[in-house]
Amino acid sequence: MEFNDIHIGMKCGSKKGSGTVTWIDGSTRTIYMANTDDNNSFEVDYDEIIYDPQAHNREDTYY
């Protein structure tokens, strides 16, 4: 997945957890996400995004 493929509203997994993309900073390649469980925000670097076509929760349940 390329950096340009990421968009607001997209569900992503990362080393810090899964969430929904809320904002993207192209200059620093930082992605801001809201946690899917409690809506807390966190930020991850593009390199921390885990490419997987399925969205995951913390229990590793697949759709």
PDB file of N, CA and C in Angstrom:
ATOM      1  N   MET A   1       0.842  -1.169   0.000  1.00  0.00           N
ATOM      2  CA  MET A   1       0.000   0.000   0.000  1.00  0.00           C
ATOM      3  C   MET A   1       0.891   1.237   0.000  1.00  0.00           C
ATOM      4  N   GLU A   2       0.547   2.173  -0.829  1.00  0.00           N
ATOM      5  CA  GLU A   2       1.285   3.426  -0.926  1.00  0.00           C
ATOM      6  C   GLU A   2       0.686   4.463   0.024  1.00  0.00           C
ATOM      7  N   PHE A   3       1.473   5.472   0.385  1.00  0.00           N
ATOM      8  CA  PHE A   3       0.991   6.523   1.275  1.00  0.00           C
ATOM      9  C   PHE A   3      -0.247   7.205   0.697  1.00  0.00           C
ATOM     10  N   ASN A   4      -0.263   7.413  -0.612  1.00  0.00           N
ATOM     11  CA  ASN A   4      -1.393   8.087  -1.263  1.00  0.00           C
ATOM     12  C   ASN A   4      -2.677   7.262  -1.246  1.00  0.00           C
ATOM     13  N   ASP A   5      -2.585   5.960  -0.966  1.00  0.00           N
ATOM     14  CA  ASP A   5      -3.769   5.101  -0.899  1.00  0.00           C
ATOM     15  C   ASP A   5      -4.559   5.301   0.391  1.00  0.00           C
ATOM     16  N   ILE A   6      -3.928   5.884   1.401  1.00  0.00           N
ATOM     17  CA  ILE A   6      -4.581   6.084   2.690  1.00  0.00           C
ATOM     18  C   ILE A   6      -5.490   7.309   2.602  1.00  0.00           C
ATOM     19  N   HIS A   7      -6.712   7.184   3.122  1.00  0.00           N
ATOM     20  CA  HIS A   7      -7.658   8.296   3.082  1.00  0.00           C
ATOM     21  C   HIS A   7      -8.455   8.362   4.380  1.00  0.00           C
ATOM     22  N   ILE A   8      -9.013   9.526   4.649  1.00  0.00           N
ATOM     23  CA  ILE A   8      -9.805   9.739   5.856  1.00  0.00           C
ATOM     24  C   ILE A   8     -11.027   8.827   5.819  1.00  0.00           C
ATOM     25  N   GLY A   9     -11.305   8.196   6.947  1.00  0.00           N
ATOM     26  CA  GLY A   9     -12.423   7.265   7.053  1.00  0.00           C
ATOM     27  C   GLY A   9     -12.024   5.819   6.855  1.00  0.00           C
ATOM     28  N   MET A  10     -10.807   5.596   6.403  1.00  0.00           N
ATOM     29  CA  MET A  10     -10.311   4.248   6.143  1.00  0.00           C
ATOM     30  C   MET A  10      -9.986   3.554   7.475  1.00  0.00           C
ATOM     31  N   LYS A  11     -10.294   2.276   7.566  1.00  0.00           N
ATOM     32  CA  LYS A  11      -9.927   1.477   8.732  1.00  0.00           C
ATOM     33  C   LYS A  11      -8.534   0.903   8.489  1.00  0.00           C
ATOM     34  N   CYS A  12      -7.650   1.083   9.464  1.00  0.00           N
ATOM     35  CA  CYS A  12      -6.271   0.606   9.330  1.00  0.00           C
ATOM     36  C   CYS A  12      -5.833  -0.078  10.606  1.00  0.00           C
ATOM     37  N   GLY A  13      -4.909  -0.986  10.453  1.00  0.00           N
ATOM     38  CA  GLY A  13      -4.243  -1.598  11.584  1.00  0.00           C
ATOM     39  C   GLY A  13      -2.843  -1.050  11.670  1.00  0.00           C
ATOM     40  N   SER A  14      -2.314  -0.982  12.876  1.00  0.00           N
ATOM     41  CA  SER A  14      -0.948  -0.515  13.069  1.00  0.00           C
ATOM     42  C   SER A  14      -0.347  -1.249  14.251  1.00  0.00           C
ATOM     43  N   LYS A  15       0.922  -1.001  14.485  1.00  0.00           N
ATOM     44  CA  LYS A  15       1.587  -1.606  15.629  1.00  0.00           C
ATOM     45  C   LYS A  15       1.029  -1.068  16.941  1.00  0.00           C
ATOM     46  N   LYS A  16       0.360   0.089  16.900  1.00  0.00           N
ATOM     47  CA  LYS A  16      -0.231   0.695  18.101  1.00  0.00           C
ATOM     48  C   LYS A  16      -1.699   0.327  18.282  1.00  0.00           C
ATOM     49  N   GLY A  17      -2.300  -0.330  17.309  1.00  0.00           N
ATOM     50  CA  GLY A  17      -3.702  -0.723  17.395  1.00  0.00           C
ATOM     51  C   GLY A  17      -4.458  -0.397  16.119  1.00  0.00           C
ATOM     52  N   SER A  18      -5.711  -0.782  16.085  1.00  0.00           N
ATOM     53  CA  SER A  18      -6.561  -0.537  14.923  1.00  0.00           C
ATOM     54  C   SER A  18      -7.375   0.728  15.131  1.00  0.00           C
ATOM     55  N   GLY A  19      -7.761   1.353  14.029  1.00  0.00           N
ATOM     56  CA  GLY A  19      -8.571   2.548  14.136  1.00  0.00           C
ATOM     57  C   GLY A  19      -9.019   3.062  12.792  1.00  0.00           C
ATOM     58  N   THR A  20      -9.718   4.185  12.837  1.00  0.00           N
ATOM     59  CA  THR A  20     -10.212   4.860  11.647  1.00  0.00           C
ATOM     60  C   THR A  20      -9.379   6.110  11.422  1.00  0.00           C
ATOM     61  N   VAL A  21      -8.910   6.308  10.204  1.00  0.00           N
ATOM     62  CA  VAL A  21      -8.081   7.472   9.877  1.00  0.00           C
ATOM     63  C   VAL A  21      -8.927   8.734   9.988  1.00  0.00           C
ATOM     64  N   THR A  22      -8.438   9.700  10.787  1.00  0.00           N
ATOM     65  CA  THR A  22      -9.162  10.960  10.965  1.00  0.00           C
ATOM     66  C   THR A  22      -8.440  12.141  10.325  1.00  0.00           C
ATOM     67  N   TRP A  23      -7.125  12.028  10.156  1.00  0.00           N
ATOM     68  CA  TRP A  23      -6.365  13.124   9.573  1.00  0.00           C
ATOM     69  C   TRP A  23      -5.031  12.578   9.085  1.00  0.00           C
ATOM     70  N   ILE A  24      -4.511  13.148   7.999  1.00  0.00           N
ATOM     71  CA  ILE A  24      -3.253  12.705   7.405  1.00  0.00           C
ATOM     72  C   ILE A  24      -2.350  13.916   7.222  1.00  0.00           C
ATOM     73  N   ASP A  25      -1.123  13.822   7.723  1.00  0.00           N
ATOM     74  CA  ASP A  25      -0.132  14.888   7.548  1.00  0.00           C
ATOM     75  C   ASP A  25       0.879  14.408   6.515  1.00  0.00           C
ATOM     76  N   GLY A  26       0.739  14.884   5.296  1.00  0.00           N
ATOM     77  CA  GLY A  26       1.605  14.448   4.208  1.00  0.00           C
ATOM     78  C   GLY A  26       3.041  14.890   4.363  1.00  0.00           C
ATOM     79  N   SER A  27       3.287  16.012   5.036  1.00  0.00           N
ATOM     80  CA  SER A  27       4.657  16.516   5.165  1.00  0.00           C
ATOM     81  C   SER A  27       5.502  15.650   6.098  1.00  0.00           C
ATOM     82  N   THR A  28       4.890  15.085   7.137  1.00  0.00           N
ATOM     83  CA  THR A  28       5.638  14.229   8.065  1.00  0.00           C
ATOM     84  C   THR A  28       5.283  12.751   7.903  1.00  0.00           C
ATOM     85  N   ARG A  29       4.345  12.453   6.994  1.00  0.00           N
ATOM     86  CA  ARG A  29       3.865  11.084   6.768  1.00  0.00           C
ATOM     87  C   ARG A  29       3.325  10.459   8.056  1.00  0.00           C
ATOM     88  N   THR A  30       2.596  11.296   8.814  1.00  0.00           N
ATOM     89  CA  THR A  30       1.969  10.866  10.051  1.00  0.00           C
ATOM     90  C   THR A  30       0.476  10.693   9.808  1.00  0.00           C
ATOM     91  N   ILE A  31      -0.071   9.630  10.352  1.00  0.00           N
ATOM     92  CA  ILE A  31      -1.485   9.325  10.200  1.00  0.00           C
ATOM     93  C   ILE A  31      -2.114   9.363  11.582  1.00  0.00           C
ATOM     94  N   TYR A  32      -3.176  10.141  11.722  1.00  0.00           N
ATOM     95  CA  TYR A  32      -3.896  10.253  12.984  1.00  0.00           C
ATOM     96  C   TYR A  32      -5.132   9.382  12.896  1.00  0.00           C
ATOM     97  N   MET A  33      -5.328   8.550  13.909  1.00  0.00           N
ATOM     98  CA  MET A  33      -6.433   7.605  13.888  1.00  0.00           C
ATOM     99  C   MET A  33      -7.224   7.677  15.183  1.00  0.00           C
ATOM    100  N   ALA A  34      -8.494   7.282  15.111  1.00  0.00           N
ATOM    101  CA  ALA A  34      -9.359   7.157  16.284  1.00  0.00           C
ATOM    102  C   ALA A  34      -9.545   5.670  16.558  1.00  0.00           C
ATOM    103  N   ASN A  35      -9.309   5.278  17.783  1.00  0.00           N
ATOM    104  CA  ASN A  35      -9.448   3.892  18.200  1.00  0.00           C
ATOM    105  C   ASN A  35     -10.865   3.405  17.956  1.00  0.00           C
ATOM    106  N   THR A  36     -11.024   2.203  17.441  1.00  0.00           N
ATOM    107  CA  THR A  36     -12.354   1.681  17.123  1.00  0.00           C
ATOM    108  C   THR A  36     -13.155   1.319  18.368  1.00  0.00           C
ATOM    109  N   ASP A  37     -12.490   1.073  19.491  1.00  0.00           N
ATOM    110  CA  ASP A  37     -13.202   0.676  20.708  1.00  0.00           C
ATOM    111  C   ASP A  37     -13.734   1.865  21.502  1.00  0.00           C
ATOM    112  N   ASP A  38     -12.885   2.870  21.740  1.00  0.00           N
ATOM    113  CA  ASP A  38     -13.284   3.962  22.626  1.00  0.00           C
ATOM    114  C   ASP A  38     -13.106   5.346  22.018  1.00  0.00           C
ATOM    115  N   ASN A  39     -12.800   5.409  20.725  1.00  0.00           N
ATOM    116  CA  ASN A  39     -12.699   6.662  19.978  1.00  0.00           C
ATOM    117  C   ASN A  39     -11.572   7.578  20.455  1.00  0.00           C
ATOM    118  N   ASN A  40     -10.608   7.053  21.220  1.00  0.00           N
ATOM    119  CA  ASN A  40      -9.434   7.841  21.600  1.00  0.00           C
ATOM    120  C   ASN A  40      -8.521   7.985  20.396  1.00  0.00           C
ATOM    121  N   SER A  41      -7.936   9.153  20.240  1.00  0.00           N
ATOM    122  CA  SER A  41      -7.059   9.418  19.096  1.00  0.00           C
ATOM    123  C   SER A  41      -5.622   9.024  19.405  1.00  0.00           C
ATOM    124  N   PHE A  42      -4.942   8.575  18.362  1.00  0.00           N
ATOM    125  CA  PHE A  42      -3.508   8.300  18.458  1.00  0.00           C
ATOM    126  C   PHE A  42      -2.894   8.522  17.094  1.00  0.00           C
ATOM    127  N   GLU A  43      -1.575   8.680  17.071  1.00  0.00           N
ATOM    128  CA  GLU A  43      -0.893   8.933  15.808  1.00  0.00           C
ATOM    129  C   GLU A  43       0.115   7.837  15.532  1.00  0.00           C
ATOM    130  N   VAL A  44       0.295   7.542  14.261  1.00  0.00           N
ATOM    131  CA  VAL A  44       1.269   6.541  13.832  1.00  0.00           C
ATOM    132  C   VAL A  44       2.019   7.059  12.613  1.00  0.00           C
ATOM    133  N   ASP A  45       3.239   6.620  12.460  1.00  0.00           N
ATOM    134  CA  ASP A  45       3.995   6.904  11.245  1.00  0.00           C
ATOM    135  C   ASP A  45       3.520   5.955  10.151  1.00  0.00           C
ATOM    136  N   TYR A  46       3.678   6.374   8.914  1.00  0.00           N
ATOM    137  CA  TYR A  46       3.259   5.549   7.779  1.00  0.00           C
ATOM    138  C   TYR A  46       3.903   4.161   7.857  1.00  0.00           C
ATOM    139  N   ASP A  47       5.154   4.089   8.293  1.00  0.00           N
ATOM    140  CA  ASP A  47       5.866   2.812   8.357  1.00  0.00           C
ATOM    141  C   ASP A  47       5.272   1.854   9.386  1.00  0.00           C
ATOM    142  N   GLU A  48       4.447   2.367  10.303  1.00  0.00           N
ATOM    143  CA  GLU A  48       3.841   1.525  11.325  1.00  0.00           C
ATOM    144  C   GLU A  48       2.512   0.917  10.881  1.00  0.00           C
ATOM    145  N   ILE A  49       1.999   1.352   9.731  1.00  0.00           N
ATOM    146  CA  ILE A  49       0.729   0.813   9.228  1.00  0.00           C
ATOM    147  C   ILE A  49       0.957  -0.621   8.761  1.00  0.00           C
ATOM    148  N   ILE A  50       0.072  -1.495   9.172  1.00  0.00           N
ATOM    149  CA  ILE A  50       0.142  -2.903   8.769  1.00  0.00           C
ATOM    150  C   ILE A  50      -0.816  -3.092   7.605  1.00  0.00           C
ATOM    151  N   TYR A  51      -0.284  -3.461   6.461  1.00  0.00           N
ATOM    152  CA  TYR A  51      -1.136  -3.663   5.293  1.00  0.00           C
ATOM    153  C   TYR A  51      -1.816  -5.010   5.387  1.00  0.00           C
ATOM    154  N   ASP A  52      -3.119  -4.979   5.510  1.00  0.00           N
ATOM    155  CA  ASP A  52      -3.942  -6.179   5.507  1.00  0.00           C
ATOM    156  C   ASP A  52      -5.319  -5.751   5.027  1.00  0.00           C
ATOM    157  N   PRO A  53      -5.865  -6.386   4.020  1.00  0.00           N
ATOM    158  CA  PRO A  53      -7.142  -5.946   3.466  1.00  0.00           C
ATOM    159  C   PRO A  53      -8.331  -6.115   4.409  1.00  0.00           C
ATOM    160  N   GLN A  54      -8.151  -6.829   5.523  1.00  0.00           N
ATOM    161  CA  GLN A  54      -9.238  -7.015   6.474  1.00  0.00           C
ATOM    162  C   GLN A  54      -8.998  -6.142   7.697  1.00  0.00           C
ATOM    163  N   ALA A  55     -10.066  -5.570   8.243  1.00  0.00           N
ATOM    164  CA  ALA A  55      -9.959  -4.778   9.473  1.00  0.00           C
ATOM    165  C   ALA A  55      -9.952  -5.725  10.667  1.00  0.00           C
ATOM    166  N   HIS A  56      -9.173  -5.372  11.671  1.00  0.00           N
ATOM    167  CA  HIS A  56      -9.043  -6.228  12.855  1.00  0.00           C
ATOM    168  C   HIS A  56      -9.428  -5.464  14.114  1.00  0.00           C
ATOM    169  N   ASN A  57      -9.903  -6.186  15.077  1.00  0.00           N
ATOM    170  CA  ASN A  57     -10.040  -5.607  16.403  1.00  0.00           C
ATOM    171  C   ASN A  57      -8.956  -6.228  17.279  1.00  0.00           C
ATOM    172  N   ARG A  58      -8.916  -5.881  18.514  1.00  0.00           N
ATOM    173  CA  ARG A  58      -7.833  -6.368  19.359  1.00  0.00           C
ATOM    174  C   ARG A  58      -7.880  -7.868  19.584  1.00  0.00           C
ATOM    175  N   GLU A  59      -9.028  -8.474  19.429  1.00  0.00           N
ATOM    176  CA  GLU A  59      -9.148  -9.916  19.616  1.00  0.00           C
ATOM    177  C   GLU A  59      -8.815 -10.701  18.362  1.00  0.00           C
ATOM    178  N   ASP A  60      -8.342 -10.001  17.317  1.00  0.00           N
ATOM    179  CA  ASP A  60      -7.985 -10.613  16.037  1.00  0.00           C
ATOM    180  C   ASP A  60      -9.158 -11.345  15.399  1.00  0.00           C
ATOM    181  N   THR A  61     -10.326 -10.774  15.489  1.00  0.00           N
ATOM    182  CA  THR A  61     -11.505 -11.318  14.825  1.00  0.00           C
ATOM    183  C   THR A  61     -11.526 -10.829  13.394  1.00  0.00           C
ATOM    184  N   TYR A  62     -11.739 -11.722  12.456  1.00  0.00           N
ATOM    185  CA  TYR A  62     -11.744 -11.358  11.042  1.00  0.00           C
ATOM    186  C   TYR A  62     -13.166 -11.301  10.548  1.00  0.00           C
ATOM    187  N   TYR A  63     -13.406 -10.428   9.582  1.00  0.00           N
ATOM    188  CA  TYR A  63     -14.726 -10.312   8.980  1.00  0.00           C
ATOM    189  C   TYR A  63     -14.831 -11.277   7.821  1.00  0.00           C
TER     190      TYR A  63
END
